[in-house]
Each structure stands twice: as structure tokens, then as C-alpha cells.
Amino acid sequence: MSKERQVEFLYRSIERNADWVKYEDAKAGAVIVILAIGCADLIGHARFLADAHSSGTTGVLATIVFWVAVLFAAATVVFVGRTVLPTVKTKRPSLYFFGTVTEKYADYPGHYRRDVSALGSGKQLIDQLAPQAWRLAQIASAKVQNVRYATLAVLGFIAAWAVARILLHLS
């Protein structure tokens, strides 16, 4: 594969992976909105659900399921947080990554300009683009996994919330 095609492939990979990162952030936002709607109702009935154990077996179940819903809500928040702030480390810096640029060239914008202009379009450019494509793929992969877990946690929350409310009504 020619160097030009390699560079084109890396640019496309970076763009595609950056899109995945954005999509997963949007999905995490939807999960947190669903959780917020359920939590608003759950918090409004928290006192009754936490004290329902004094009204018989159904009340005890309502209280247990209430606390299960709280645990699912906490898990959802953790996974959404991990989606928004993923931790992916790399040992290979890239001039294409903003973190590298701000760390290495914070006080020396002239050096950054010089290093970028020295890249050309050959191997040096590929050596800078490849770590960024890899890093974005790792970030996208981490976000997909965390959104998947957050979605499962919010579904568990919805189920526990619904069961808790039904049991509260029956107690």
C-alpha cells in the first residue's frame, strides 16, 4: 500500500472512530435521562419504600427491591461516568492528539509549528497518525462497553423501580 493510501486510511480511521466516540456519548446521555426520570419518582417515594418493611411481607419485598433499584441507579451512574471519562493510556505520543500537544508544547508554539511542518506526507506523518487512530479505537471500544453496561444497569433499575412501586401499592 502506498504511503498516500496509508495516510488516507489513517485519516478515515480517525474520523470513523471519532464518530463512534460521539455516538457513545449521546447514548450515555440518553441512558442518564431515562435514569433521571425513574429516579425522580423513586426519590419521591423513597421514604415510603424504605419504611414499607414494617407493613408485612409485601412491604419487606418492596423495601428490598427499592434498595436493589438504588444499587442499579448507582451502577448506571458509574458506567455513564466511565463512558464520558474513559481512561486509555498509550506510551506512544502523537502530534495529532491534543493531549500530547498541550503537554509537550504548552510554552513553545513555535516548536510545535516546526515539528508539524517537518512531518511532510510520508513515514513521519504515518507515525503520528497511527497512534491517534489506535487511541481513538481504544476509547471507542471502552465507551461501547461502558454504554452497554450502563444500559443493562438502567434496565435493571427500571425493572426494580416498577416492581418496588407495584409492591408498595400492594402493601
Protein backbone atom coordinates (compact mmCIF):
# COMPACT_ATOMS: atom_id res chain seq x y z
CA MET A 1 0.00 0.00 0.00
CA SER A 2 1.38 3.41 -0.92
CA LYS A 3 2.11 6.00 1.75
CA GLU A 4 -0.68 8.22 0.43
CA ARG A 5 -3.20 5.37 0.79
CA GLN A 6 -1.89 4.61 4.28
CA VAL A 7 -2.36 8.24 5.30
CA GLU A 8 -5.85 8.26 3.76
CA PHE A 9 -6.71 5.04 5.63
CA LEU A 10 -5.50 6.52 8.92
CA TYR A 11 -7.45 9.75 8.40
CA ARG A 12 -10.61 7.75 7.68
CA SER A 13 -9.99 5.53 10.70
CA ILE A 14 -9.57 8.57 12.92
CA GLU A 15 -12.78 10.13 11.60
CA ARG A 16 -14.76 6.88 11.94
CA ASN A 17 -13.50 6.24 15.48
CA ALA A 18 -14.18 9.85 16.47
CA ASP A 19 -17.77 9.38 15.24
CA TRP A 20 -18.13 6.25 17.40
CA VAL A 21 -16.89 8.22 20.39
CA LYS A 22 -19.58 10.87 19.78
CA TYR A 23 -22.33 8.25 19.28
CA GLU A 24 -21.50 6.53 22.54
CA ASP A 25 -21.55 9.85 24.40
CA ALA A 26 -25.03 10.52 23.00
CA LYS A 27 -26.20 7.05 24.05
CA ALA A 28 -24.81 7.62 27.55
CA GLY A 29 -26.79 10.87 27.67
CA ALA A 30 -29.99 9.02 26.77
CA VAL A 31 -29.32 6.43 29.48
CA ILE A 32 -28.85 9.12 32.11
CA VAL A 33 -32.07 10.88 31.04
CA ILE A 34 -34.02 7.63 31.44
CA LEU A 35 -32.42 7.11 34.83
CA ALA A 36 -33.27 10.67 35.90
CA ILE A 37 -36.95 10.19 35.05
CA GLY A 38 -37.13 7.00 37.11
CA CYS A 39 -35.09 8.46 39.97
CA ALA A 40 -37.40 11.46 40.23
CA ASP A 41 -40.29 9.13 41.02
CA LEU A 42 -38.20 6.81 43.17
CA ILE A 43 -36.89 9.70 45.29
CA GLY A 44 -40.44 11.00 45.67
CA HIS A 45 -41.45 7.64 47.15
CA ALA A 46 -38.16 6.81 48.89
CA ARG A 47 -39.43 7.34 52.42
CA PHE A 48 -42.44 5.10 51.86
CA LEU A 49 -40.37 2.42 50.12
CA ALA A 50 -37.63 2.45 52.75
CA ASP A 51 -40.22 2.16 55.56
CA ALA A 52 -42.52 -0.32 53.79
CA HIS A 53 -40.84 -3.26 55.55
CA SER A 54 -42.99 -2.59 58.62
CA SER A 55 -46.20 -3.44 56.73
CA GLY A 56 -45.76 -7.17 56.15
CA THR A 57 -44.13 -9.45 53.64
CA THR A 58 -45.08 -7.38 50.60
CA GLY A 59 -43.64 -4.30 52.30
CA VAL A 60 -40.39 -6.12 53.09
CA LEU A 61 -40.10 -7.11 49.42
CA ALA A 62 -40.86 -3.52 48.38
CA THR A 63 -38.06 -2.23 50.61
CA ILE A 64 -35.58 -4.84 49.33
CA VAL A 65 -36.42 -4.13 45.69
CA PHE A 66 -36.19 -0.39 46.39
CA TRP A 67 -32.59 -0.82 47.57
CA VAL A 68 -31.85 -3.01 44.56
CA ALA A 69 -33.14 -0.18 42.34
CA VAL A 70 -30.85 2.25 44.19
CA LEU A 71 -27.87 -0.05 43.52
CA PHE A 72 -28.77 -0.29 39.82
CA ALA A 73 -29.05 3.51 39.69
CA ALA A 74 -25.60 3.87 41.25
CA ALA A 75 -24.14 1.34 38.80
CA THR A 76 -25.70 3.25 35.90
CA VAL A 77 -24.10 6.50 37.06
CA VAL A 78 -20.70 4.79 37.40
CA PHE A 79 -20.86 3.31 33.89
CA VAL A 80 -22.06 6.57 32.34
CA GLY A 81 -19.23 8.35 34.13
CA ARG A 82 -16.73 5.86 32.74
CA THR A 83 -18.21 6.44 29.28
CA VAL A 84 -17.81 10.19 29.50
CA LEU A 85 -14.33 9.99 31.03
CA PRO A 86 -12.66 6.85 29.67
CA THR A 87 -9.10 6.07 30.68
CA VAL A 88 -6.97 4.85 27.81
CA LYS A 89 -3.23 5.22 28.14
CA THR A 90 -0.64 4.94 25.41
CA LYS A 91 3.10 5.05 25.56
CA ARG A 92 3.41 6.46 22.06
CA PRO A 93 2.62 10.19 21.78
CA SER A 94 1.16 11.75 18.65
CA LEU A 95 1.26 15.32 17.40
CA TYR A 96 -2.29 14.67 16.22
CA PHE A 97 -3.57 14.21 19.79
CA PHE A 98 -4.46 17.35 21.73
CA GLY A 99 -3.13 15.90 25.00
CA THR A 100 0.34 15.44 23.56
CA VAL A 101 0.30 18.90 22.01
CA THR A 102 -0.73 20.65 25.23
CA GLU A 103 1.75 18.69 27.37
CA LYS A 104 4.77 18.88 25.08
CA TYR A 105 4.25 22.32 23.53
CA ALA A 106 2.47 24.31 26.23
CA ASP A 107 5.06 27.07 26.25
CA TYR A 108 6.58 26.54 22.82
CA PRO A 109 4.07 27.03 19.99
CA GLY A 110 6.95 27.75 17.63
CA HIS A 111 8.45 24.30 18.27
CA TYR A 112 5.08 22.69 17.57
CA ARG A 113 4.82 24.56 14.26
CA ARG A 114 8.35 23.44 13.36
CA ASP A 115 7.69 19.77 14.26
CA VAL A 116 4.41 19.65 12.33
CA SER A 117 5.92 21.26 9.23
CA ALA A 118 8.75 18.68 9.32
CA LEU A 119 6.25 15.81 9.05
CA GLY A 120 5.70 16.02 5.31
CA SER A 121 3.38 13.31 3.99
CA GLY A 122 5.46 10.17 4.35
CA LYS A 123 6.50 7.88 7.17
CA GLN A 124 6.72 10.68 9.74
CA LEU A 125 3.07 11.57 9.17
CA ILE A 126 2.01 7.92 9.37
CA ASP A 127 3.97 7.58 12.62
CA GLN A 128 1.94 10.45 14.07
CA LEU A 129 -1.47 9.39 12.74
CA ALA A 130 -1.28 5.69 13.64
CA PRO A 131 -1.14 6.19 17.45
CA GLN A 132 -4.09 8.57 17.26
CA ALA A 133 -6.16 6.10 15.23
CA TRP A 134 -5.27 3.38 17.74
CA ARG A 135 -6.07 5.62 20.73
CA LEU A 136 -9.47 6.61 19.32
CA ALA A 137 -10.28 2.96 18.58
CA GLN A 138 -9.43 2.08 22.19
CA ILE A 139 -11.55 4.96 23.51
CA ALA A 140 -14.48 3.99 21.27
CA SER A 141 -14.20 0.37 22.39
CA ALA A 142 -14.17 1.37 26.07
CA LYS A 143 -17.16 3.66 25.56
CA VAL A 144 -19.16 0.96 23.74
CA GLN A 145 -18.55 -1.46 26.59
CA ASN A 146 -19.44 1.08 29.28
CA VAL A 147 -22.62 2.17 27.47
CA ARG A 148 -23.62 -1.48 27.16
CA TYR A 149 -23.17 -1.96 30.93
CA ALA A 150 -24.94 1.34 31.68
CA THR A 151 -27.88 0.26 29.50
CA LEU A 152 -28.13 -3.08 31.30
CA ALA A 153 -27.93 -1.31 34.66
CA VAL A 154 -30.66 1.17 33.74
CA LEU A 155 -32.87 -1.69 32.51
CA GLY A 156 -32.32 -3.41 35.86
CA PHE A 157 -33.18 -0.13 37.57
CA ILE A 158 -36.41 0.22 35.58
CA ALA A 159 -37.45 -3.34 36.43
CA ALA A 160 -36.66 -2.91 40.14
CA TRP A 161 -38.31 0.51 40.23
CA ALA A 162 -41.50 -0.85 38.65
CA VAL A 163 -41.61 -3.88 40.96
CA ALA A 164 -40.94 -1.69 44.03
CA ARG A 165 -43.77 0.68 43.11
CA ILE A 166 -46.19 -2.22 42.48
CA LEU A 167 -45.24 -3.86 45.79
CA LEU A 168 -45.61 -0.53 47.61
CA HIS A 169 -49.10 -0.17 46.16
CA LEU A 170 -49.99 -3.73 47.26
CA SER A 171 -48.62 -3.35 50.79
